[in-house]
């Protein structure tokens, strides 16, 4: 499938996640800011649109089995996948990074005071992501699952239809907050470059932080560009059927 200048960035990545590498290399936000056209994205970054289209279409000629499998999942299966893979990763990795960043501050803070700012930024991410994921796990995702079961005539109707859209808009704003935060973290660490006097703990911490950011991009992409649009479409469909 070929794309054009009006194709949305998030939709392109949804078709083939390999294109995310092209966008990341050109500082184009495909997860939190994926709802813009390719033309607008190229204009913002001062890129040649024709060249960008050529590169993306070349990648889209190859099949992304993972993207195809994700697209084939039901809303319930996709919500389950996000929880089991990405929520679990965040919950398992945050304590490790909290510990390592504290150790870096204790050992290298005198020579690298920027570490204290880095730790404060990550602590903020921990607090926000913990609450954010709980809201998804306890409120939004259960509603989406129940809505899908009702539509498939396999469960009762949710007590109130219309919950998804306002809740999703809040989630998207929170996603943007964390996307911006990690963009600043990457910038402050020179894209996770260990300083010359850095030790092995420095290397492990920065490598894990970089992996954390990449997983967060994938995590947010699956919600913003795949799960949420489908949930909104289903909610609108159910609402129309009731009228």
Protein backbone atom coordinates (compact mmCIF):
# COMPACT_ATOMS: atom_id res chain seq x y z
CA UNK A 1 0.00 0.00 0.00
CA UNK A 2 1.35 3.42 -1.01
CA UNK A 3 0.88 6.52 1.06
CA UNK A 4 0.66 10.17 0.09
CA UNK A 5 1.31 13.60 1.59
CA UNK A 6 -2.07 13.59 3.35
CA UNK A 7 -1.51 10.24 5.09
CA UNK A 8 -1.39 10.53 8.90
CA UNK A 9 1.92 9.73 10.58
CA UNK A 10 0.32 7.45 13.18
CA UNK A 11 -1.60 5.56 10.53
CA UNK A 12 1.59 4.94 8.55
CA UNK A 13 3.28 3.43 11.62
CA UNK A 14 0.13 1.42 12.25
CA UNK A 15 0.51 -0.13 8.79
CA UNK A 16 4.17 -0.98 9.32
CA UNK A 17 6.00 -0.31 12.58
CA UNK A 18 9.36 -0.38 10.79
CA UNK A 19 8.54 3.11 9.53
CA UNK A 20 8.90 4.33 13.12
CA UNK A 21 12.67 4.22 12.66
CA UNK A 22 12.44 6.68 9.78
CA UNK A 23 10.27 9.05 11.79
CA UNK A 24 12.46 8.80 14.90
CA UNK A 25 15.60 9.53 12.88
CA UNK A 26 13.94 12.72 11.62
CA UNK A 27 12.57 13.83 14.99
CA UNK A 28 8.94 13.22 13.96
CA UNK A 29 6.70 12.15 16.83
CA UNK A 30 4.67 9.15 15.62
CA UNK A 31 3.05 8.14 18.92
CA UNK A 32 1.85 11.19 20.86
CA UNK A 33 1.77 13.47 17.81
CA UNK A 34 0.83 10.93 15.17
CA UNK A 35 -2.44 12.61 14.21
CA UNK A 36 -0.84 14.97 11.68
CA UNK A 37 -0.33 14.56 7.95
CA UNK A 38 2.99 13.63 6.44
CA UNK A 39 3.03 17.00 4.70
CA UNK A 40 2.68 18.85 8.01
CA UNK A 41 5.29 16.66 9.69
CA UNK A 42 7.80 17.28 6.90
CA UNK A 43 7.10 21.02 6.96
CA UNK A 44 7.66 21.24 10.73
CA UNK A 45 11.07 19.59 10.47
CA UNK A 46 12.13 21.26 7.23
CA UNK A 47 12.28 17.96 5.35
CA UNK A 48 11.86 17.26 1.64
CA UNK A 49 8.44 15.66 1.39
CA UNK A 50 9.15 13.76 -1.84
CA UNK A 51 12.26 12.16 -0.35
CA UNK A 52 10.43 11.22 2.87
CA UNK A 53 7.56 9.68 0.88
CA UNK A 54 10.02 7.68 -1.19
CA UNK A 55 11.74 6.24 1.87
CA UNK A 56 8.49 5.37 3.61
CA UNK A 57 6.93 3.74 0.55
CA UNK A 58 10.06 1.62 0.12
CA UNK A 59 9.66 0.31 3.66
CA UNK A 60 5.91 -0.23 3.22
CA UNK A 61 6.59 -2.64 0.38
CA UNK A 62 7.87 -5.10 2.97
CA UNK A 63 5.45 -6.94 5.23
CA UNK A 64 5.43 -6.23 8.95
CA UNK A 65 4.03 -9.45 10.41
CA UNK A 66 3.86 -7.98 13.90
CA UNK A 67 1.78 -5.01 12.74
CA UNK A 68 -0.54 -7.35 10.85
CA UNK A 69 -1.00 -9.54 13.93
CA UNK A 70 -1.68 -6.48 16.12
CA UNK A 71 -4.25 -5.22 13.62
CA UNK A 72 -6.03 -8.58 13.68
CA UNK A 73 -6.49 -8.55 17.47
CA UNK A 74 -9.87 -7.80 18.96
CA UNK A 75 -10.11 -4.79 21.26
CA UNK A 76 -10.09 -7.12 24.26
CA UNK A 77 -7.03 -8.98 22.99
CA UNK A 78 -5.21 -5.74 22.27
CA UNK A 79 -5.96 -4.32 25.71
CA UNK A 80 -4.74 -7.60 27.23
CA UNK A 81 -1.57 -7.41 25.13
CA UNK A 82 -0.84 -3.85 26.21
CA UNK A 83 -1.25 -4.76 29.87
CA UNK A 84 0.74 -7.99 29.73
CA UNK A 85 3.59 -6.65 27.61
CA UNK A 86 3.92 -2.91 28.13
CA UNK A 87 2.32 -2.25 31.51
CA UNK A 88 4.26 -5.18 32.95
CA UNK A 89 7.50 -3.89 31.43
CA UNK A 90 6.98 -0.43 32.93
CA UNK A 91 6.15 -1.85 36.36
CA UNK A 92 9.13 -4.19 36.32
CA UNK A 93 11.65 -1.65 35.01
CA UNK A 94 10.77 1.43 37.04
CA UNK A 95 12.15 0.14 40.39
CA UNK A 96 15.41 -0.88 38.70
CA UNK A 97 15.89 2.57 37.16
CA UNK A 98 14.94 4.36 40.38
CA UNK A 99 17.65 2.40 42.21
CA UNK A 100 20.31 2.89 39.52
CA UNK A 101 19.63 6.62 39.13
CA UNK A 102 19.93 7.08 42.89
CA UNK A 103 23.25 5.22 42.82
CA UNK A 104 24.50 7.44 40.00
CA UNK A 105 23.53 10.54 41.97
CA UNK A 106 25.33 9.21 45.06
CA UNK A 107 28.52 8.31 43.19
CA UNK A 108 28.70 10.80 40.31
CA UNK A 109 26.38 13.61 41.38
CA UNK A 110 29.19 15.91 42.49
CA UNK A 111 30.81 15.87 39.05
CA UNK A 112 27.54 15.52 37.14
CA UNK A 113 24.85 17.61 38.87
CA UNK A 114 22.59 17.07 35.85
CA UNK A 115 21.96 13.59 37.25
CA UNK A 116 19.78 15.08 40.00
CA UNK A 117 17.57 16.72 37.37
CA UNK A 118 17.46 13.47 35.43
CA UNK A 119 16.39 11.52 38.51
CA UNK A 120 13.73 14.12 39.37
CA UNK A 121 12.35 13.86 35.83
CA UNK A 122 12.21 10.08 35.97
CA UNK A 123 10.62 10.15 39.43
CA UNK A 124 7.91 12.36 37.94
CA UNK A 125 7.38 9.85 35.15
CA UNK A 126 7.10 7.02 37.67
CA UNK A 127 4.43 8.84 39.68
CA UNK A 128 2.39 9.78 36.61
CA UNK A 129 2.70 6.49 34.74
CA UNK A 130 1.73 4.48 37.81
CA UNK A 131 -1.54 6.39 38.18
CA UNK A 132 -2.11 6.52 34.42
CA UNK A 133 -1.84 2.77 33.94
CA UNK A 134 -4.13 2.08 36.89
CA UNK A 135 -6.80 4.29 35.33
CA UNK A 136 -6.51 2.27 32.15
CA UNK A 137 -6.50 -1.09 33.90
CA UNK A 138 -9.36 -0.33 36.32
CA UNK A 139 -11.61 1.96 34.26
CA UNK A 140 -10.95 2.44 30.54
CA UNK A 141 -9.85 -1.02 29.45
CA UNK A 142 -12.63 -2.84 31.34
CA UNK A 143 -15.16 -0.50 29.72
CA UNK A 144 -13.71 -1.21 26.26
CA UNK A 145 -13.83 -4.97 26.89
CA UNK A 146 -17.41 -4.77 28.15
CA UNK A 147 -18.45 -2.61 25.21
CA UNK A 148 -16.98 -5.10 22.74
CA UNK A 149 -18.67 -8.05 24.46
CA UNK A 150 -21.98 -6.22 24.32
CA UNK A 151 -21.55 -5.45 20.61
CA UNK A 152 -20.77 -9.11 19.91
CA UNK A 153 -23.85 -10.09 21.96
CA UNK A 154 -21.68 -11.91 24.48
CA UNK A 155 -22.26 -9.68 27.49
CA UNK A 156 -24.42 -7.07 29.12
CA UNK A 157 -24.63 -3.50 27.97
CA UNK A 158 -22.31 -1.09 29.82
CA UNK A 159 -24.21 1.02 32.33
CA UNK A 160 -23.32 4.15 30.36
CA UNK A 161 -22.29 4.50 26.70
CA UNK A 162 -20.08 7.49 25.96
CA UNK A 163 -17.32 6.93 28.51
CA UNK A 164 -14.55 6.06 26.06
CA UNK A 165 -14.13 9.33 24.18
CA UNK A 166 -13.62 11.72 27.14
CA UNK A 167 -11.47 9.17 28.99
CA UNK A 168 -9.32 8.61 25.91
CA UNK A 169 -8.76 12.34 25.45
CA UNK A 170 -7.42 12.49 29.01
CA UNK A 171 -5.16 9.48 28.36
CA UNK A 172 -3.82 11.10 25.19
CA UNK A 173 -2.95 14.30 27.06
CA UNK A 174 -1.13 12.25 29.69
CA UNK A 175 0.69 10.37 26.94
CA UNK A 176 1.85 13.70 25.50
CA UNK A 177 3.14 14.78 28.90
CA UNK A 178 5.30 11.65 29.17
CA UNK A 179 6.37 11.80 25.55
CA UNK A 180 7.58 15.37 26.07
CA UNK A 181 9.27 14.40 29.32
CA UNK A 182 11.28 11.61 27.73
CA UNK A 183 12.17 13.79 24.77
CA UNK A 184 13.77 16.19 27.26
CA UNK A 185 15.45 13.30 29.08
CA UNK A 186 16.96 12.08 25.81
CA UNK A 187 18.14 15.61 25.01
CA UNK A 188 19.63 16.17 28.47
CA UNK A 189 21.63 12.93 28.24
CA UNK A 190 22.79 13.62 24.67
CA UNK A 191 20.65 10.70 23.51
CA UNK A 192 21.83 8.50 26.38
CA UNK A 193 25.55 9.03 25.79
CA UNK A 194 27.65 7.95 28.77
CA UNK A 195 30.26 10.58 29.77
CA UNK A 196 33.97 9.64 29.56
CA UNK A 197 34.19 9.11 33.33
CA UNK A 198 31.04 6.98 33.40
CA UNK A 199 31.15 3.56 35.02
CA UNK A 200 29.38 0.31 34.11
CA UNK A 201 26.37 1.39 36.19
CA UNK A 202 26.18 4.54 34.07
CA UNK A 203 26.14 2.43 30.90
CA UNK A 204 23.51 -0.02 32.16
CA UNK A 205 21.29 2.81 33.44
CA UNK A 206 21.45 4.84 30.23
CA UNK A 207 20.92 1.78 28.05
CA UNK A 208 17.88 0.80 30.13
CA UNK A 209 16.52 4.36 30.01
CA UNK A 210 16.81 4.31 26.23
CA UNK A 211 15.03 0.96 26.06
CA UNK A 212 12.36 2.33 28.40
CA UNK A 213 11.73 5.28 26.09
CA UNK A 214 11.52 3.04 23.01
CA UNK A 215 9.05 0.74 24.75
CA UNK A 216 7.02 3.76 25.83
CA UNK A 217 6.83 4.95 22.22
CA UNK A 218 5.58 1.53 21.13
CA UNK A 219 3.19 1.41 24.09
CA UNK A 220 1.69 4.82 23.34
CA UNK A 221 1.51 4.05 19.61
CA UNK A 222 -0.57 0.94 20.25
CA UNK A 223 -2.99 2.94 22.36
CA UNK A 224 -3.17 6.27 20.50
CA UNK A 225 -3.05 4.91 16.95
CA UNK A 226 -4.67 1.48 17.22
CA UNK A 227 -6.73 0.73 20.35
CA UNK A 228 -8.21 4.17 21.00
CA UNK A 229 -9.44 4.94 17.45
CA UNK A 230 -11.08 1.50 17.24
CA UNK A 231 -12.71 1.94 20.66
CA UNK A 232 -14.09 5.35 19.66
CA UNK A 233 -15.43 3.93 16.39
CA UNK A 234 -17.14 1.07 18.24
CA UNK A 235 -18.65 3.41 20.82
CA UNK A 236 -20.04 5.62 18.05
CA UNK A 237 -21.44 2.59 16.27
CA UNK A 238 -23.22 1.38 19.41
CA UNK A 239 -24.59 4.89 20.06
CA UNK A 240 -26.02 5.06 16.53
CA UNK A 241 -27.67 1.69 16.94
CA UNK A 242 -29.42 2.93 20.07
CA UNK A 243 -30.86 6.00 18.32
